[in-house]
C-alpha atoms as a PDB file:
ATOM      1  CA  MET A   1       1.448   5.185 -63.696  1.00  0.00           C
ATOM      2  CA  LYS A   2      -1.487   4.852 -66.068  1.00  0.00           C
ATOM      3  CA  ASP A   3      -3.773   6.653 -63.615  1.00  0.00           C
ATOM      4  CA  ARG A   4      -1.367   9.565 -63.020  1.00  0.00           C
ATOM      5  CA  VAL A   5      -1.357  12.994 -64.645  1.00  0.00           C
ATOM      6  CA  VAL A   6       2.053  14.667 -64.587  1.00  0.00           C
ATOM      7  CA  LEU A   7       2.851  18.326 -65.277  1.00  0.00           C
ATOM      8  CA  ILE A   8       6.283  18.749 -66.893  1.00  0.00           C
ATOM      9  CA  THR A   9       7.578  22.308 -67.085  1.00  0.00           C
ATOM     10  CA  GLY A  10       9.905  23.180 -69.921  1.00  0.00           C
ATOM     11  CA  ALA A  11       8.660  20.113 -71.787  1.00  0.00           C
ATOM     12  CA  LYS A  12       9.863  21.424 -75.141  1.00  0.00           C
ATOM     13  CA  GLY A  13      13.533  21.680 -74.143  1.00  0.00           C
ATOM     14  CA  ASP A  14      16.129  18.912 -74.226  1.00  0.00           C
ATOM     15  CA  LEU A  15      15.682  17.835 -70.605  1.00  0.00           C
ATOM     16  CA  GLY A  16      11.923  18.424 -70.496  1.00  0.00           C
ATOM     17  CA  SER A  17      11.436  16.410 -73.652  1.00  0.00           C
ATOM     18  CA  PHE A  18      13.534  13.576 -72.209  1.00  0.00           C
ATOM     19  CA  VAL A  19      11.567  13.532 -68.928  1.00  0.00           C
ATOM     20  CA  THR A  20       8.264  13.766 -70.825  1.00  0.00           C
ATOM     21  CA  GLN A  21       9.156  10.688 -72.860  1.00  0.00           C
ATOM     22  CA  ARG A  22      10.099   8.756 -69.688  1.00  0.00           C
ATOM     23  CA  PHE A  23       6.692   9.505 -68.140  1.00  0.00           C
ATOM     24  CA  LEU A  24       4.814   8.726 -71.357  1.00  0.00           C
ATOM     25  CA  ALA A  25       6.609   5.362 -71.451  1.00  0.00           C
ATOM     26  CA  THR A  26       5.103   4.528 -68.041  1.00  0.00           C
ATOM     27  CA  GLY A  27       1.591   5.186 -69.369  1.00  0.00           C
ATOM     28  CA  ALA A  28       1.143   8.463 -67.490  1.00  0.00           C
ATOM     29  CA  THR A  29      -0.731  11.367 -69.033  1.00  0.00           C
ATOM     30  CA  VAL A  30       1.614  14.320 -69.424  1.00  0.00           C
ATOM     31  CA  VAL A  31       0.658  17.976 -69.469  1.00  0.00           C
ATOM     32  CA  GLY A  32       3.736  19.640 -70.919  1.00  0.00           C
ATOM     33  CA  THR A  33       4.338  23.341 -70.398  1.00  0.00           C
ATOM     34  CA  SER A  34       6.659  25.682 -72.240  1.00  0.00           C
ATOM     35  CA  ARG A  35       6.448  29.215 -73.524  1.00  0.00           C
ATOM     36  CA  SER A  36       5.942  27.863 -77.057  1.00  0.00           C
ATOM     37  CA  ILE A  37       4.628  24.308 -77.169  1.00  0.00           C
ATOM     38  CA  SER A  38       2.064  22.565 -79.347  1.00  0.00           C
ATOM     39  CA  ASN A  39       0.699  19.114 -80.182  1.00  0.00           C
ATOM     40  CA  GLN A  40       3.469  18.706 -82.756  1.00  0.00           C
ATOM     41  CA  ASP A  41       6.080  18.649 -79.963  1.00  0.00           C
ATOM     42  CA  SER A  42       4.865  15.199 -78.838  1.00  0.00           C
ATOM     43  CA  PRO A  43       2.368  13.332 -81.004  1.00  0.00           C
ATOM     44  CA  GLU A  44       1.525  10.888 -78.184  1.00  0.00           C
ATOM     45  CA  PRO A  45      -2.236  10.634 -77.484  1.00  0.00           C
ATOM     46  CA  ASN A  46      -1.699  11.066 -73.726  1.00  0.00           C
ATOM     47  CA  PHE A  47       0.264  14.312 -74.118  1.00  0.00           C
ATOM     48  CA  ALA A  48      -1.423  17.692 -73.641  1.00  0.00           C
ATOM     49  CA  PRO A  49       0.545  20.866 -74.415  1.00  0.00           C
ATOM     50  CA  LEU A  50       0.045  23.958 -72.237  1.00  0.00           C
ATOM     51  CA  PRO A  51       1.812  27.127 -73.474  1.00  0.00           C
ATOM     52  CA  VAL A  52       2.753  28.716 -70.128  1.00  0.00           C
ATOM     53  CA  ASP A  53       5.980  29.246 -68.123  1.00  0.00           C
ATOM     54  CA  PHE A  54       5.994  27.469 -64.732  1.00  0.00           C
ATOM     55  CA  THR A  55       9.769  27.289 -64.339  1.00  0.00           C
ATOM     56  CA  LYS A  56      10.017  29.690 -61.389  1.00  0.00           C
ATOM     57  CA  ALA A  57       9.814  28.550 -57.751  1.00  0.00           C
ATOM     58  CA  PRO A  58       6.999  30.970 -56.740  1.00  0.00           C
ATOM     59  CA  ALA A  59       4.828  29.682 -59.601  1.00  0.00           C
ATOM     60  CA  VAL A  60       5.386  26.068 -58.561  1.00  0.00           C
ATOM     61  CA  ARG A  61       4.561  26.874 -54.930  1.00  0.00           C
ATOM     62  CA  MET A  62       1.377  28.611 -56.086  1.00  0.00           C
ATOM     63  CA  VAL A  63       0.385  25.560 -58.135  1.00  0.00           C
ATOM     64  CA  ALA A  64       1.130  23.320 -55.126  1.00  0.00           C
ATOM     65  CA  LEU A  65      -1.057  25.412 -52.825  1.00  0.00           C
ATOM     66  CA  GLU A  66      -3.899  25.765 -55.319  1.00  0.00           C
ATOM     67  CA  SER A  67      -3.961  22.056 -56.183  1.00  0.00           C
ATOM     68  CA  LYS A  68      -3.445  20.612 -52.686  1.00  0.00           C
ATOM     69  CA  ALA A  69      -7.173  20.110 -52.057  1.00  0.00           C
ATOM     70  CA  ALA A  70      -7.390  18.070 -55.262  1.00  0.00           C
ATOM     71  CA  GLY A  71      -4.596  15.781 -54.029  1.00  0.00           C
ATOM     72  CA  LEU A  72      -2.072  17.038 -56.567  1.00  0.00           C
ATOM     73  CA  THR A  73       1.579  17.827 -55.914  1.00  0.00           C
ATOM     74  CA  ALA A  74       3.940  20.237 -57.645  1.00  0.00           C
ATOM     75  CA  ASN A  75       7.716  20.322 -57.249  1.00  0.00           C
ATOM     76  CA  LEU A  76      10.516  22.032 -59.152  1.00  0.00           C
ATOM     77  CA  ILE A  77      13.722  20.175 -60.022  1.00  0.00           C
ATOM     78  CA  LEU A  78      16.659  22.532 -60.614  1.00  0.00           C
ATOM     79  CA  PRO A  79      19.438  20.680 -62.403  1.00  0.00           C
ATOM     80  CA  GLY A  80      22.980  21.950 -62.695  1.00  0.00           C
ATOM     81  CA  THR A  81      24.752  21.811 -66.041  1.00  0.00           C
ATOM     82  CA  MET A  82      23.119  19.058 -68.046  1.00  0.00           C
ATOM     83  CA  ASP A  83      25.024  16.573 -70.171  1.00  0.00           C
ATOM     84  CA  THR A  84      23.327  17.354 -73.470  1.00  0.00           C
ATOM     85  CA  PRO A  85      24.699  17.561 -77.018  1.00  0.00           C
ATOM     86  CA  ALA A  86      24.074  21.326 -77.012  1.00  0.00           C
ATOM     87  CA  ASN A  87      26.118  21.823 -73.811  1.00  0.00           C
ATOM     88  CA  ARG A  88      28.945  19.612 -75.070  1.00  0.00           C
ATOM     89  CA  LYS A  89      29.079  21.680 -78.259  1.00  0.00           C
ATOM     90  CA  ALA A  90      28.901  25.011 -76.399  1.00  0.00           C
ATOM     91  CA  MET A  91      31.543  24.024 -73.800  1.00  0.00           C
ATOM     92  CA  PRO A  92      34.040  21.715 -75.563  1.00  0.00           C
ATOM     93  CA  ALA A  93      36.798  22.295 -72.970  1.00  0.00           C
ATOM     94  CA  ALA A  94      34.577  21.413 -69.979  1.00  0.00           C
ATOM     95  CA  ASP A  95      34.521  18.026 -68.254  1.00  0.00           C
ATOM     96  CA  PRO A  96      31.050  16.544 -68.969  1.00  0.00           C
ATOM     97  CA  SER A  97      31.657  13.674 -66.539  1.00  0.00           C
ATOM     98  CA  LYS A  98      30.692  16.125 -63.762  1.00  0.00           C
ATOM     99  CA  TRP A  99      27.481  17.226 -65.442  1.00  0.00           C
ATOM    100  CA  VAL A 100      24.005  16.047 -64.515  1.00  0.00           C
ATOM    101  CA  GLN A 101      22.728  13.145 -66.602  1.00  0.00           C
ATOM    102  CA  PRO A 102      19.213  13.589 -68.044  1.00  0.00           C
ATOM    103  CA  GLY A 103      18.302  10.101 -66.837  1.00  0.00           C
ATOM    104  CA  ALA A 104      19.078  11.078 -63.228  1.00  0.00           C
ATOM    105  CA  VAL A 105      16.657  13.996 -63.451  1.00  0.00           C
ATOM    106  CA  ALA A 106      13.989  11.809 -65.053  1.00  0.00           C
ATOM    107  CA  ASP A 107      14.443   9.185 -62.325  1.00  0.00           C
ATOM    108  CA  LEU A 108      14.080  11.853 -59.622  1.00  0.00           C
ATOM    109  CA  ALA A 109      10.905  13.164 -61.259  1.00  0.00           C
ATOM    110  CA  LEU A 110       9.488   9.627 -61.444  1.00  0.00           C
ATOM    111  CA  LEU A 111      10.307   9.118 -57.755  1.00  0.00           C
ATOM    112  CA  PHE A 112       8.395  12.234 -56.723  1.00  0.00           C
ATOM    113  CA  ALA A 113       5.432  11.191 -58.854  1.00  0.00           C
ATOM    114  CA  GLU A 114       4.851   8.058 -56.790  1.00  0.00           C
ATOM    115  CA  GLU A 115       1.921   7.997 -54.366  1.00  0.00           C
ATOM    116  CA  ARG A 116       4.191   7.442 -51.360  1.00  0.00           C
ATOM    117  CA  ASP A 117       5.684  10.896 -51.950  1.00  0.00           C
ATOM    118  CA  GLU A 118       2.368  12.765 -52.080  1.00  0.00           C
ATOM    119  CA  GLN A 119       3.278  14.900 -49.058  1.00  0.00           C
ATOM    120  CA  VAL A 120       6.296  16.384 -50.827  1.00  0.00           C
ATOM    121  CA  THR A 121       4.905  19.409 -52.653  1.00  0.00           C
ATOM    122  CA  GLY A 122       5.876  23.005 -53.328  1.00  0.00           C
ATOM    123  CA  THR A 123       9.531  21.992 -53.001  1.00  0.00           C
ATOM    124  CA  VAL A 124      12.548  23.131 -54.990  1.00  0.00           C
ATOM    125  CA  ILE A 125      14.952  20.213 -55.469  1.00  0.00           C
ATOM    126  CA  PRO A 126      18.474  20.948 -56.733  1.00  0.00           C
ATOM    127  CA  ILE A 127      20.411  18.188 -58.492  1.00  0.00           C
ATOM    128  CA  ASP A 128      24.001  19.151 -59.190  1.00  0.00           C
ATOM    129  CA  GLY A 129      25.763  15.976 -60.263  1.00  0.00           C
ATOM    130  CA  THR A 130      29.365  15.830 -59.114  1.00  0.00           C
ATOM    131  CA  ASN A 131      29.864  19.621 -59.224  1.00  0.00           C
ATOM    132  CA  VAL A 132      29.102  19.951 -55.511  1.00  0.00           C
END
């Protein structure tokens, strides 16, 4: 994915940081958005921070429409409860085996970044683990 530029919303959070690192490992350039993000959040040379909030469906649809002519896609992945250390600490009585694994979200994001999926854009994609 060395020739791909990927926009990761919420790139400063646990999941966003995880997904960002997965894309950076493929050689992609990552533009990471968050309300408060800077170069210190990922020292990788192919990481560009963008302090803005794109985590709402209407914003993603707007980005998809505005960038369509340039051949870019924008989709929003909405995970259920994530299996993160913070969630395990906050909900010690819950069953984390039913929670969404960060790797599953990263894999889904990588799938939608492939050229064969260029017609999927402006879409909200829920991923709920085994809580369905």
